[in-house]
Amino acid sequence: AWFDDEIEVVGCSADQADDRLAAQLPGRRYDNSVTPDQAGTDQCVVA
């Protein structure tokens, strides 16, 4: 929400995502084994 004007979120990742919370996030859902090739970017933020 805070950085919406400068980022495009391609997805979010978590080993055990809370489906209710993850549904409020943009993009695809990944586990933490996701690679840059799969996501289409090599930039991530650990939140």
PDB file of all heavy atoms in Angstrom:
ATOM      1  N   ALA A   1       0.820  -1.210   0.000  1.00  0.00           N
ATOM      2  CA  ALA A   1       0.000   0.000   0.000  1.00  0.00           C
ATOM      3  C   ALA A   1       0.855   1.263   0.000  1.00  0.00           C
ATOM      4  O   ALA A   1       0.602   2.207  -0.756  1.00  0.00           O
ATOM      5  CB  ALA A   1      -0.931  -0.006   1.213  1.00  0.00           C
ATOM      6  N   TRP A   2       1.893   1.288   0.836  1.00  0.00           N
ATOM      7  CA  TRP A   2       2.702   2.492   0.981  1.00  0.00           C
ATOM      8  C   TRP A   2       3.530   2.809  -0.261  1.00  0.00           C
ATOM      9  O   TRP A   2       3.772   3.971  -0.573  1.00  0.00           O
ATOM     10  CB  TRP A   2       3.629   2.362   2.187  1.00  0.00           C
ATOM     11  CG  TRP A   2       2.911   2.408   3.486  1.00  0.00           C
ATOM     12  CD1 TRP A   2       1.721   3.021   3.765  1.00  0.00           C
ATOM     13  CD2 TRP A   2       3.322   1.811   4.713  1.00  0.00           C
ATOM     14  NE1 TRP A   2       1.374   2.835   5.077  1.00  0.00           N
ATOM     15  CE2 TRP A   2       2.343   2.100   5.688  1.00  0.00           C
ATOM     16  CE3 TRP A   2       4.431   1.057   5.093  1.00  0.00           C
ATOM     17  CZ2 TRP A   2       2.434   1.676   7.006  1.00  0.00           C
ATOM     18  CZ3 TRP A   2       4.519   0.631   6.409  1.00  0.00           C
ATOM     19  CH2 TRP A   2       3.539   0.937   7.352  1.00  0.00           C
ATOM     20  N   PHE A   3       3.974   1.786  -0.967  1.00  0.00           N
ATOM     21  CA  PHE A   3       4.855   2.010  -2.116  1.00  0.00           C
ATOM     22  C   PHE A   3       4.155   1.739  -3.445  1.00  0.00           C
ATOM     23  O   PHE A   3       4.810   1.567  -4.475  1.00  0.00           O
ATOM     24  CB  PHE A   3       6.118   1.153  -1.974  1.00  0.00           C
ATOM     25  CG  PHE A   3       6.984   1.581  -0.825  1.00  0.00           C
ATOM     26  CD1 PHE A   3       6.890   0.954   0.408  1.00  0.00           C
ATOM     27  CD2 PHE A   3       7.864   2.641  -0.957  1.00  0.00           C
ATOM     28  CE1 PHE A   3       7.669   1.368   1.489  1.00  0.00           C
ATOM     29  CE2 PHE A   3       8.649   3.064   0.109  1.00  0.00           C
ATOM     30  CZ  PHE A   3       8.552   2.422   1.338  1.00  0.00           C
ATOM     31  N   ASP A   4       2.835   1.759  -3.419  1.00  0.00           N
ATOM     32  CA  ASP A   4       2.042   1.452  -4.605  1.00  0.00           C
ATOM     33  C   ASP A   4       2.384   2.335  -5.799  1.00  0.00           C
ATOM     34  O   ASP A   4       2.321   1.891  -6.947  1.00  0.00           O
ATOM     35  CB  ASP A   4       0.551   1.581  -4.271  1.00  0.00           C
ATOM     36  CG  ASP A   4      -0.328   1.319  -5.478  1.00  0.00           C
ATOM     37  OD1 ASP A   4      -0.330   0.175  -5.967  1.00  0.00           O
ATOM     38  OD2 ASP A   4      -0.992   2.270  -5.946  1.00  0.00           O
ATOM     39  N   ASP A   5       2.754   3.588  -5.551  1.00  0.00           N
ATOM     40  CA  ASP A   5       3.007   4.506  -6.664  1.00  0.00           C
ATOM     41  C   ASP A   5       4.356   4.276  -7.344  1.00  0.00           C
ATOM     42  O   ASP A   5       4.624   4.869  -8.389  1.00  0.00           O
ATOM     43  CB  ASP A   5       2.897   5.960  -6.207  1.00  0.00           C
ATOM     44  CG  ASP A   5       3.910   6.316  -5.124  1.00  0.00           C
ATOM     45  OD1 ASP A   5       4.489   5.395  -4.517  1.00  0.00           O
ATOM     46  OD2 ASP A   5       4.120   7.516  -4.891  1.00  0.00           O
ATOM     47  N   GLU A   6       5.215   3.414  -6.767  1.00  0.00           N
ATOM     48  CA  GLU A   6       6.519   3.181  -7.392  1.00  0.00           C
ATOM     49  C   GLU A   6       6.843   1.723  -7.670  1.00  0.00           C
ATOM     50  O   GLU A   6       7.901   1.419  -8.211  1.00  0.00           O
ATOM     51  CB  GLU A   6       7.639   3.800  -6.553  1.00  0.00           C
ATOM     52  CG  GLU A   6       7.750   3.287  -5.129  1.00  0.00           C
ATOM     53  CD  GLU A   6       8.806   4.046  -4.335  1.00  0.00           C
ATOM     54  OE1 GLU A   6       9.995   3.673  -4.450  1.00  0.00           O
ATOM     55  OE2 GLU A   6       8.432   4.989  -3.622  1.00  0.00           O
ATOM     56  N   ILE A   7       5.934   0.814  -7.310  1.00  0.00           N
ATOM     57  CA  ILE A   7       6.198  -0.601  -7.571  1.00  0.00           C
ATOM     58  C   ILE A   7       5.043  -1.255  -8.322  1.00  0.00           C
ATOM     59  O   ILE A   7       3.892  -0.823  -8.217  1.00  0.00           O
ATOM     60  CB  ILE A   7       6.454  -1.399  -6.269  1.00  0.00           C
ATOM     61  CG1 ILE A   7       5.221  -1.365  -5.348  1.00  0.00           C
ATOM     62  CG2 ILE A   7       7.690  -0.892  -5.550  1.00  0.00           C
ATOM     63  CD1 ILE A   7       5.328  -2.278  -4.137  1.00  0.00           C
ATOM     64  N   GLU A   8       5.383  -2.273  -9.083  1.00  0.00           N
ATOM     65  CA  GLU A   8       4.402  -3.188  -9.645  1.00  0.00           C
ATOM     66  C   GLU A   8       4.666  -4.545  -8.997  1.00  0.00           C
ATOM     67  O   GLU A   8       5.727  -5.141  -9.199  1.00  0.00           O
ATOM     68  CB  GLU A   8       4.556  -3.293 -11.160  1.00  0.00           C
ATOM     69  CG  GLU A   8       3.623  -4.317 -11.787  1.00  0.00           C
ATOM     70  CD  GLU A   8       3.934  -4.583 -13.249  1.00  0.00           C
ATOM     71  OE1 GLU A   8       4.769  -3.871 -13.835  1.00  0.00           O
ATOM     72  OE2 GLU A   8       3.350  -5.543 -13.792  1.00  0.00           O
ATOM     73  N   VAL A   9       3.740  -5.007  -8.193  1.00  0.00           N
ATOM     74  CA  VAL A   9       3.914  -6.272  -7.474  1.00  0.00           C
ATOM     75  C   VAL A   9       3.562  -7.419  -8.407  1.00  0.00           C
ATOM     76  O   VAL A   9       2.410  -7.576  -8.817  1.00  0.00           O
ATOM     77  CB  VAL A   9       3.044  -6.312  -6.205  1.00  0.00           C
ATOM     78  CG1 VAL A   9       3.203  -7.659  -5.487  1.00  0.00           C
ATOM     79  CG2 VAL A   9       3.404  -5.162  -5.269  1.00  0.00           C
ATOM     80  N   VAL A  10       4.567  -8.224  -8.749  1.00  0.00           N
ATOM     81  CA  VAL A  10       4.315  -9.366  -9.637  1.00  0.00           C
ATOM     82  C   VAL A  10       3.705 -10.530  -8.873  1.00  0.00           C
ATOM     83  O   VAL A  10       3.112 -11.431  -9.470  1.00  0.00           O
ATOM     84  CB  VAL A  10       5.607  -9.816 -10.344  1.00  0.00           C
ATOM     85  CG1 VAL A  10       6.187  -8.695 -11.177  1.00  0.00           C
ATOM     86  CG2 VAL A  10       6.643 -10.343  -9.343  1.00  0.00           C
ATOM     87  N   GLY A  11       3.870 -10.527  -7.567  1.00  0.00           N
ATOM     88  CA  GLY A  11       3.309 -11.575  -6.743  1.00  0.00           C
ATOM     89  C   GLY A  11       3.900 -11.543  -5.353  1.00  0.00           C
ATOM     90  O   GLY A  11       4.712 -10.681  -5.024  1.00  0.00           O
ATOM     91  N   CYS A  12       3.470 -12.485  -4.532  1.00  0.00           N
ATOM     92  CA  CYS A  12       3.995 -12.601  -3.176  1.00  0.00           C
ATOM     93  C   CYS A  12       4.344 -14.063  -2.927  1.00  0.00           C
ATOM     94  O   CYS A  12       3.817 -14.966  -3.575  1.00  0.00           O
ATOM     95  CB  CYS A  12       2.992 -12.099  -2.145  1.00  0.00           C
ATOM     96  SG  CYS A  12       1.444 -13.017  -2.119  1.00  0.00           S
ATOM     97  N   SER A  13       5.246 -14.272  -1.987  1.00  0.00           N
ATOM     98  CA  SER A  13       5.660 -15.639  -1.696  1.00  0.00           C
ATOM     99  C   SER A  13       5.692 -15.867  -0.197  1.00  0.00           C
ATOM    100  O   SER A  13       5.943 -14.948   0.590  1.00  0.00           O
ATOM    101  CB  SER A  13       7.048 -15.926  -2.296  1.00  0.00           C
ATOM    102  OG  SER A  13       8.053 -15.263  -1.573  1.00  0.00           O
ATOM    103  N   ALA A  14       5.426 -17.092   0.170  1.00  0.00           N
ATOM    104  CA  ALA A  14       5.515 -17.522   1.565  1.00  0.00           C
ATOM    105  C   ALA A  14       5.482 -19.036   1.576  1.00  0.00           C
ATOM    106  O   ALA A  14       4.870 -19.655   0.702  1.00  0.00           O
ATOM    107  CB  ALA A  14       4.361 -16.960   2.396  1.00  0.00           C
ATOM    108  N   ASP A  15       6.143 -19.639   2.557  1.00  0.00           N
ATOM    109  CA  ASP A  15       6.101 -21.093   2.676  1.00  0.00           C
ATOM    110  C   ASP A  15       4.719 -21.572   3.120  1.00  0.00           C
ATOM    111  O   ASP A  15       4.230 -22.604   2.683  1.00  0.00           O
ATOM    112  CB  ASP A  15       7.169 -21.592   3.651  1.00  0.00           C
ATOM    113  CG  ASP A  15       8.537 -21.657   2.991  1.00  0.00           C
ATOM    114  OD1 ASP A  15       8.597 -21.760   1.754  1.00  0.00           O
ATOM    115  OD2 ASP A  15       9.540 -21.597   3.713  1.00  0.00           O
ATOM    116  N   GLN A  16       4.109 -20.807   4.027  1.00  0.00           N
ATOM    117  CA  GLN A  16       2.775 -21.159   4.503  1.00  0.00           C
ATOM    118  C   GLN A  16       1.922 -19.894   4.489  1.00  0.00           C
ATOM    119  O   GLN A  16       1.702 -19.240   5.500  1.00  0.00           O
ATOM    120  CB  GLN A  16       2.837 -21.742   5.916  1.00  0.00           C
ATOM    121  CG  GLN A  16       3.600 -23.054   5.979  1.00  0.00           C
ATOM    122  CD  GLN A  16       3.670 -23.613   7.382  1.00  0.00           C
ATOM    123  OE1 GLN A  16       3.612 -22.885   8.361  1.00  0.00           O
ATOM    124  NE2 GLN A  16       3.800 -24.924   7.489  1.00  0.00           N
ATOM    125  N   ALA A  17       1.443 -19.554   3.311  1.00  0.00           N
ATOM    126  CA  ALA A  17       0.667 -18.329   3.160  1.00  0.00           C
ATOM    127  C   ALA A  17      -0.675 -18.448   3.883  1.00  0.00           C
ATOM    128  O   ALA A  17      -1.321 -19.483   3.862  1.00  0.00           O
ATOM    129  CB  ALA A  17       0.426 -18.038   1.684  1.00  0.00           C
ATOM    130  N   ASP A  18      -1.077 -17.352   4.531  1.00  0.00           N
ATOM    131  CA  ASP A  18      -2.421 -17.236   5.067  1.00  0.00           C
ATOM    132  C   ASP A  18      -3.307 -16.841   3.888  1.00  0.00           C
ATOM    133  O   ASP A  18      -3.220 -15.728   3.381  1.00  0.00           O
ATOM    134  CB  ASP A  18      -2.439 -16.158   6.159  1.00  0.00           C
ATOM    135  CG  ASP A  18      -3.813 -15.991   6.798  1.00  0.00           C
ATOM    136  OD1 ASP A  18      -4.816 -16.038   6.067  1.00  0.00           O
ATOM    137  OD2 ASP A  18      -3.877 -15.789   8.019  1.00  0.00           O
ATOM    138  N   ASP A  19      -4.157 -17.770   3.443  1.00  0.00           N
ATOM    139  CA  ASP A  19      -4.935 -17.523   2.228  1.00  0.00           C
ATOM    140  C   ASP A  19      -5.798 -16.275   2.327  1.00  0.00           C
ATOM    141  O   ASP A  19      -5.970 -15.544   1.357  1.00  0.00           O
ATOM    142  CB  ASP A  19      -5.822 -18.732   1.916  1.00  0.00           C
ATOM    143  CG  ASP A  19      -5.019 -19.946   1.480  1.00  0.00           C
ATOM    144  OD1 ASP A  19      -3.882 -19.750   1.018  1.00  0.00           O
ATOM    145  OD2 ASP A  19      -5.532 -21.067   1.601  1.00  0.00           O
ATOM    146  N   ARG A  20      -6.327 -16.010   3.522  1.00  0.00           N
ATOM    147  CA  ARG A  20      -7.183 -14.828   3.691  1.00  0.00           C
ATOM    148  C   ARG A  20      -6.381 -13.557   3.485  1.00  0.00           C
ATOM    149  O   ARG A  20      -6.832 -12.623   2.816  1.00  0.00           O
ATOM    150  CB  ARG A  20      -7.803 -14.838   5.090  1.00  0.00           C
ATOM    151  CG  ARG A  20      -8.693 -13.637   5.381  1.00  0.00           C
ATOM    152  CD  ARG A  20      -9.245 -13.719   6.792  1.00  0.00           C
ATOM    153  NE  ARG A  20      -8.185 -13.710   7.784  1.00  0.00           N
ATOM    154  CZ  ARG A  20      -7.595 -12.592   8.233  1.00  0.00           C
ATOM    155  NH1 ARG A  20      -7.943 -11.417   7.771  1.00  0.00           N
ATOM    156  NH2 ARG A  20      -6.660 -12.668   9.149  1.00  0.00           N
ATOM    157  N   LEU A  21      -5.171 -13.510   4.057  1.00  0.00           N
ATOM    158  CA  LEU A  21      -4.346 -12.319   3.906  1.00  0.00           C
ATOM    159  C   LEU A  21      -3.736 -12.234   2.516  1.00  0.00           C
ATOM    160  O   LEU A  21      -3.682 -11.165   1.911  1.00  0.00           O
ATOM    161  CB  LEU A  21      -3.244 -12.308   4.968  1.00  0.00           C
ATOM    162  CG  LEU A  21      -3.710 -12.244   6.425  1.00  0.00           C
ATOM    163  CD1 LEU A  21      -2.513 -12.230   7.352  1.00  0.00           C
ATOM    164  CD2 LEU A  21      -4.593 -11.029   6.672  1.00  0.00           C
ATOM    165  N   ALA A  22      -3.286 -13.365   1.989  1.00  0.00           N
ATOM    166  CA  ALA A  22      -2.667 -13.367   0.668  1.00  0.00           C
ATOM    167  C   ALA A  22      -3.643 -12.905  -0.399  1.00  0.00           C
ATOM    168  O   ALA A  22      -3.248 -12.304  -1.400  1.00  0.00           O
ATOM    169  CB  ALA A  22      -2.133 -14.751   0.342  1.00  0.00           C
ATOM    170  N   ALA A  23      -4.926 -13.156  -0.187  1.00  0.00           N
ATOM    171  CA  ALA A  23      -5.935 -12.746  -1.165  1.00  0.00           C
ATOM    172  C   ALA A  23      -5.993 -11.230  -1.305  1.00  0.00           C
ATOM    173  O   ALA A  23      -6.500 -10.714  -2.303  1.00  0.00           O
ATOM    174  CB  ALA A  23      -7.303 -13.293  -0.757  1.00  0.00           C
ATOM    175  N   GLN A  24      -5.492 -10.499  -0.316  1.00  0.00           N
ATOM    176  CA  GLN A  24      -5.515  -9.039  -0.364  1.00  0.00           C
ATOM    177  C   GLN A  24      -4.284  -8.462  -1.060  1.00  0.00           C
ATOM    178  O   GLN A  24      -4.151  -7.252  -1.178  1.00  0.00           O
ATOM    179  CB  GLN A  24      -5.611  -8.480   1.055  1.00  0.00           C
ATOM    180  CG  GLN A  24      -6.853  -8.951   1.798  1.00  0.00           C
ATOM    181  CD  GLN A  24      -6.852  -8.484   3.238  1.00  0.00           C
ATOM    182  OE1 GLN A  24      -6.454  -7.375   3.541  1.00  0.00           O
ATOM    183  NE2 GLN A  24      -7.308  -9.335   4.138  1.00  0.00           N
ATOM    184  N   LEU A  25      -3.371  -9.329  -1.504  1.00  0.00           N
ATOM    185  CA  LEU A  25      -2.151  -8.886  -2.157  1.00  0.00           C
ATOM    186  C   LEU A  25      -2.248  -9.090  -3.669  1.00  0.00           C
ATOM    187  O   LEU A  25      -2.869 -10.042  -4.134  1.00  0.00           O
ATOM    188  CB  LEU A  25      -0.952  -9.674  -1.611  1.00  0.00           C
ATOM    189  CG  LEU A  25      -0.568  -9.329  -0.171  1.00  0.00           C
ATOM    190  CD1 LEU A  25       0.297 -10.426   0.417  1.00  0.00           C
ATOM    191  CD2 LEU A  25       0.149  -7.994  -0.123  1.00  0.00           C
ATOM    192  N   PRO A  26      -1.617  -8.201  -4.439  1.00  0.00           N
ATOM    193  CA  PRO A  26      -1.681  -8.333  -5.897  1.00  0.00           C
ATOM    194  C   PRO A  26      -0.753  -9.422  -6.420  1.00  0.00           C
ATOM    195  O   PRO A  26       0.153  -9.882  -5.729  1.00  0.00           O
ATOM    196  CB  PRO A  26      -1.220  -6.950  -6.383  1.00  0.00           C
ATOM    197  CG  PRO A  26      -0.349  -6.444  -5.282  1.00  0.00           C
ATOM    198  CD  PRO A  26      -0.923  -7.006  -4.005  1.00  0.00           C
ATOM    199  N   GLY A  27      -0.990  -9.833  -7.666  1.00  0.00           N
ATOM    200  CA  GLY A  27      -0.091 -10.752  -8.351  1.00  0.00           C
ATOM    201  C   GLY A  27      -0.299 -12.204  -7.969  1.00  0.00           C
ATOM    202  O   GLY A  27      -1.206 -12.567  -7.230  1.00  0.00           O
ATOM    203  N   ARG A  28       0.591 -13.046  -8.477  1.00  0.00           N
ATOM    204  CA  ARG A  28       0.529 -14.487  -8.244  1.00  0.00           C
ATOM    205  C   ARG A  28       0.992 -14.857  -6.849  1.00  0.00           C
ATOM    206  O   ARG A  28       1.671 -14.083  -6.187  1.00  0.00           O
ATOM    207  CB  ARG A  28       1.415 -15.220  -9.254  1.00  0.00           C
ATOM    208  CG  ARG A  28       0.857 -15.282 -10.666  1.00  0.00           C
ATOM    209  CD  ARG A  28       1.704 -16.194 -11.508  1.00  0.00           C
ATOM    210  NE  ARG A  28       1.818 -17.531 -10.909  1.00  0.00           N
ATOM    211  CZ  ARG A  28       2.612 -18.484 -11.368  1.00  0.00           C
ATOM    212  NH1 ARG A  28       3.376 -18.266 -12.423  1.00  0.00           N
ATOM    213  NH2 ARG A  28       2.665 -19.674 -10.768  1.00  0.00           N
ATOM    214  N   ARG A  29       0.644 -16.060  -6.440  1.00  0.00           N
ATOM    215  CA  ARG A  29       1.128 -16.613  -5.179  1.00  0.00           C
ATOM    216  C   ARG A  29       2.241 -17.614  -5.485  1.00  0.00           C
ATOM    217  O   ARG A  29       2.085 -18.473  -6.348  1.00  0.00           O
ATOM    218  CB  ARG A  29       0.008 -17.322  -4.420  1.00  0.00           C
ATOM    219  CG  ARG A  29      -1.236 -16.497  -4.227  1.00  0.00           C
ATOM    220  CD  ARG A  29      -1.022 -15.290  -3.311  1.00  0.00           C
ATOM    221  NE  ARG A  29      -2.206 -14.434  -3.337  1.00  0.00           N
ATOM    222  CZ  ARG A  29      -2.272 -13.289  -3.992  1.00  0.00           C
ATOM    223  NH1 ARG A  29      -1.225 -12.844  -4.665  1.00  0.00           N
ATOM    224  NH2 ARG A  29      -3.373 -12.573  -3.986  1.00  0.00           N
ATOM    225  N   TYR A  30       3.347 -17.509  -4.779  1.00  0.00           N
ATOM    226  CA  TYR A  30       4.479 -18.412  -4.951  1.00  0.00           C
ATOM    227  C   TYR A  30       4.889 -18.955  -3.586  1.00  0.00           C
ATOM    228  O   TYR A  30       4.597 -18.343  -2.554  1.00  0.00           O
ATOM    229  CB  TYR A  30       5.691 -17.675  -5.533  1.00  0.00           C
ATOM    230  CG  TYR A  30       5.497 -17.057  -6.891  1.00  0.00           C
ATOM    231  CD1 TYR A  30       5.162 -15.710  -7.013  1.00  0.00           C
ATOM    232  CD2 TYR A  30       5.697 -17.791  -8.056  1.00  0.00           C
ATOM    233  CE1 TYR A  30       5.014 -15.122  -8.269  1.00  0.00           C
ATOM    234  CE2 TYR A  30       5.556 -17.217  -9.308  1.00  0.00           C
ATOM    235  CZ  TYR A  30       5.213 -15.878  -9.409  1.00  0.00           C
ATOM    236  OH  TYR A  30       5.082 -15.302 -10.642  1.00  0.00           O
ATOM    237  N   ASP A  31       5.622 -20.076  -3.592  1.00  0.00           N
ATOM    238  CA  ASP A  31       6.295 -20.453  -2.357  1.00  0.00           C
ATOM    239  C   ASP A  31       7.698 -19.838  -2.384  1.00  0.00           C
ATOM    240  O   ASP A  31       8.090 -19.190  -3.351  1.00  0.00           O
ATOM    241  CB  ASP A  31       6.319 -21.972  -2.144  1.00  0.00           C
ATOM    242  CG  ASP A  31       7.105 -22.720  -3.215  1.00  0.00           C
ATOM    243  OD1 ASP A  31       8.059 -22.140  -3.785  1.00  0.00           O
ATOM    244  OD2 ASP A  31       6.783 -23.894  -3.464  1.00  0.00           O
ATOM    245  N   ASN A  32       8.460 -20.026  -1.320  1.00  0.00           N
ATOM    246  CA  ASN A  32       9.746 -19.343  -1.214  1.00  0.00           C
ATOM    247  C   ASN A  32      10.855 -19.959  -2.054  1.00  0.00           C
ATOM    248  O   ASN A  32      11.997 -19.510  -2.008  1.00  0.00           O
ATOM    249  CB  ASN A  32      10.175 -19.247   0.252  1.00  0.00           C
ATOM    250  CG  ASN A  32       9.359 -18.229   1.012  1.00  0.00           C
ATOM    251  OD1 ASN A  32       8.790 -17.306   0.433  1.00  0.00           O
ATOM    252  ND2 ASN A  32       9.274 -18.385   2.324  1.00  0.00           N
ATOM    253  N   SER A  33      10.501 -20.971  -2.862  1.00  0.00           N
ATOM    254  CA  SER A  33      11.468 -21.522  -3.804  1.00  0.00           C
ATOM    255  C   SER A  33      11.389 -20.849  -5.173  1.00  0.00           C
ATOM    256  O   SER A  33      12.090 -21.238  -6.106  1.00  0.00           O
ATOM    257  CB  SER A  33      11.269 -23.031  -3.964  1.00  0.00           C
ATOM    258  OG  SER A  33      10.011 -23.303  -4.562  1.00  0.00           O
ATOM    259  N   VAL A  34      10.553 -19.824  -5.292  1.00  0.00           N
ATOM    260  CA  VAL A  34      10.378 -19.139  -6.575  1.00  0.00           C
ATOM    261  C   VAL A  34      11.704 -18.547  -7.058  1.00  0.00           C
ATOM    262  O   VAL A  34      12.500 -18.050  -6.264  1.00  0.00           O
ATOM    263  CB  VAL A  34       9.298 -18.045  -6.465  1.00  0.00           C
ATOM    264  CG1 VAL A  34       9.676 -16.985  -5.427  1.00  0.00           C
ATOM    265  CG2 VAL A  34       9.029 -17.389  -7.812  1.00  0.00           C
ATOM    266  N   THR A  35      11.933 -18.624  -8.357  1.00  0.00           N
ATOM    267  CA  THR A  35      13.153 -18.078  -8.948  1.00  0.00           C
ATOM    268  C   THR A  35      12.840 -16.794  -9.703  1.00  0.00           C
ATOM    269  O   THR A  35      11.685 -16.542 -10.080  1.00  0.00           O
ATOM    270  CB  THR A  35      13.775 -19.081  -9.937  1.00  0.00           C
ATOM    271  OG1 THR A  35      12.879 -19.237 -11.053  1.00  0.00           O
ATOM    272  CG2 THR A  35      14.027 -20.418  -9.273  1.00  0.00           C
ATOM    273  N   PRO A  36      13.859 -15.960  -9.943  1.00  0.00           N
ATOM    274  CA  PRO A  36      13.631 -14.760 -10.742  1.00  0.00           C
ATOM    275  C   PRO A  36      13.041 -15.061 -12.115  1.00  0.00           C
ATOM    276  O   PRO A  36      12.187 -14.311 -12.605  1.00  0.00           O
ATOM    277  CB  PRO A  36      15.028 -14.142 -10.844  1.00  0.00           C
ATOM    278  CG  PRO A  36      15.704 -14.569  -9.572  1.00  0.00           C
ATOM    279  CD  PRO A  36      15.212 -15.975  -9.359  1.00  0.00           C
ATOM    280  N   ASP A  37      13.470 -16.150 -12.754  1.00  0.00           N
ATOM    281  CA  ASP A  37      12.921 -16.505 -14.064  1.00  0.00           C
ATOM    282  C   ASP A  37      11.423 -16.780 -13.988  1.00  0.00           C
ATOM    283  O   ASP A  37      10.657 -16.375 -14.871  1.00  0.00           O
ATOM    284  CB  ASP A  37      13.634 -17.739 -14.626  1.00  0.00           C
ATOM    285  CG  ASP A  37      15.028 -17.433 -15.133  1.00  0.00           C
ATOM    286  OD1 ASP A  37      15.335 -16.235 -15.342  1.00  0.00           O
ATOM    287  OD2 ASP A  37      15.818 -18.371 -15.301  1.00  0.00           O
ATOM    288  N   GLN A  38      10.993 -17.448 -12.939  1.00  0.00           N
ATOM    289  CA  GLN A  38       9.575 -17.754 -12.786  1.00  0.00           C
ATOM    290  C   GLN A  38       8.747 -16.493 -12.544  1.00  0.00           C
ATOM    291  O   GLN A  38       7.625 -16.364 -13.031  1.00  0.00           O
ATOM    292  CB  GLN A  38       9.368 -18.732 -11.627  1.00  0.00           C
ATOM    293  CG  GLN A  38       9.892 -20.125 -11.897  1.00  0.00           C
ATOM    294  CD  GLN A  38       9.926 -20.988 -10.651  1.00  0.00           C
ATOM    295  OE1 GLN A  38      10.103 -20.505  -9.533  1.00  0.00           O
ATOM    296  NE2 GLN A  38       9.766 -22.297 -10.833  1.00  0.00           N
ATOM    297  N   ALA A  39       9.307 -15.547 -11.793  1.00  0.00           N
ATOM    298  CA  ALA A  39       8.565 -14.337 -11.436  1.00  0.00           C
ATOM    299  C   ALA A  39       8.684 -13.233 -12.484  1.00  0.00           C
ATOM    300  O   ALA A  39       7.899 -12.282 -12.466  1.00  0.00           O
ATOM    301  CB  ALA A  39       9.050 -13.819 -10.081  1.00  0.00           C
ATOM    302  N   GLY A  40       9.672 -13.329 -13.360  1.00  0.00           N
ATOM    303  CA  GLY A  40       9.853 -12.301 -14.370  1.00  0.00           C
ATOM    304  C   GLY A  40      10.541 -11.050 -13.868  1.00  0.00           C
ATOM    305  O   GLY A  40      10.497  -9.994 -14.500  1.00  0.00           O
ATOM    306  N   THR A  41      11.203 -11.143 -12.725  1.00  0.00           N
ATOM    307  CA  THR A  41      11.999 -10.047 -12.167  1.00  0.00           C
ATOM    308  C   THR A  41      12.981 -10.642 -11.174  1.00  0.00           C
ATOM    309  O   THR A  41      12.735 -11.723 -10.635  1.00  0.00           O
ATOM    310  CB  THR A  41      11.126  -8.998 -11.454  1.00  0.00           C
ATOM    311  OG1 THR A  41      11.953  -7.954 -10.908  1.00  0.00           O
ATOM    312  CG2 THR A  41      10.326  -9.614 -10.305  1.00  0.00           C
ATOM    313  N   ASP A  42      14.094  -9.943 -10.933  1.00  0.00           N
ATOM    314  CA  ASP A  42      15.037 -10.430  -9.919  1.00  0.00           C
ATOM    315  C   ASP A  42      15.042  -9.536  -8.682  1.00  0.00           C
ATOM    316  O   ASP A  42      15.908  -9.638  -7.833  1.00  0.00           O
ATOM    317  CB  ASP A  42      16.450 -10.553 -10.491  1.00  0.00           C
ATOM    318  CG  ASP A  42      17.063  -9.204 -10.856  1.00  0.00           C
ATOM    319  OD1 ASP A  42      16.349  -8.167 -10.806  1.00  0.00           O
ATOM    320  OD2 ASP A  42      18.258  -9.172 -11.194  1.00  0.00           O
ATOM    321  N   GLN A  43      14.023  -8.656  -8.566  1.00  0.00           N
ATOM    322  CA  GLN A  43      13.938  -7.712  -7.457  1.00  0.00           C
ATOM    323  C   GLN A  43      12.895  -8.181  -6.441  1.00  0.00           C
ATOM    324  O   GLN A  43      11.757  -8.497  -6.822  1.00  0.00           O
ATOM    325  CB  GLN A  43      13.533  -6.326  -7.963  1.00  0.00           C
ATOM    326  CG  GLN A  43      14.429  -5.785  -9.066  1.00  0.00           C
ATOM    327  CD  GLN A  43      15.793  -5.404  -8.545  1.00  0.00           C
ATOM    328  OE1 GLN A  43      15.939  -4.518  -7.706  1.00  0.00           O
ATOM    329  NE2 GLN A  43      16.821  -6.089  -9.036  1.00  0.00           N
ATOM    330  N   CYS A  44      13.282  -8.246  -5.175  1.00  0.00           N
ATOM    331  CA  CYS A  44      12.310  -8.642  -4.151  1.00  0.00           C
ATOM    332  C   CYS A  44      12.498  -7.819  -2.885  1.00  0.00           C
ATOM    333  O   CYS A  44      13.566  -7.258  -2.638  1.00  0.00           O
ATOM    334  CB  CYS A  44      12.409 -10.130  -3.847  1.00  0.00           C
ATOM    335  SG  CYS A  44      13.820 -10.622  -2.843  1.00  0.00           S
ATOM    336  N   VAL A  45      11.441  -7.765  -2.090  1.00  0.00           N
ATOM    337  CA  VAL A  45      11.509  -7.142  -0.771  1.00  0.00           C
ATOM    338  C   VAL A  45      11.049  -8.175   0.249  1.00  0.00           C
ATOM    339  O   VAL A  45      10.066  -8.884   0.025  1.00  0.00           O
ATOM    340  CB  VAL A  45      10.649  -5.869  -0.685  1.00  0.00           C
ATOM    341  CG1 VAL A  45       9.167  -6.161  -0.898  1.00  0.00           C
ATOM    342  CG2 VAL A  45      10.844  -5.171   0.657  1.00  0.00           C
ATOM    343  N   VAL A  46      11.793  -8.287   1.341  1.00  0.00           N
ATOM    344  CA  VAL A  46      11.439  -9.233   2.395  1.00  0.00           C
ATOM    345  C   VAL A  46      10.607  -8.481   3.435  1.00  0.00           C
ATOM    346  O   VAL A  46      11.131  -7.689   4.224  1.00  0.00           O
ATOM    347  CB  VAL A  46      12.695  -9.858   3.027  1.00  0.00           C
ATOM    348  CG1 VAL A  46      12.299 -10.815   4.150  1.00  0.00           C
ATOM    349  CG2 VAL A  46      13.508 -10.594   1.968  1.00  0.00           C
ATOM    350  N   ALA A  47       9.306  -8.725   3.409  1.00  0.00           N
ATOM    351  CA  ALA A  47       8.364  -8.019   4.287  1.00  0.00           C
ATOM    352  C   ALA A  47       7.811  -8.985   5.323  1.00  0.00           C
ATOM    353  O   ALA A  47       6.614  -9.288   5.358  1.00  0.00           O
ATOM    354  CB  ALA A  47       7.248  -7.383   3.471  1.00  0.00           C
TER     355      ALA A  47
END
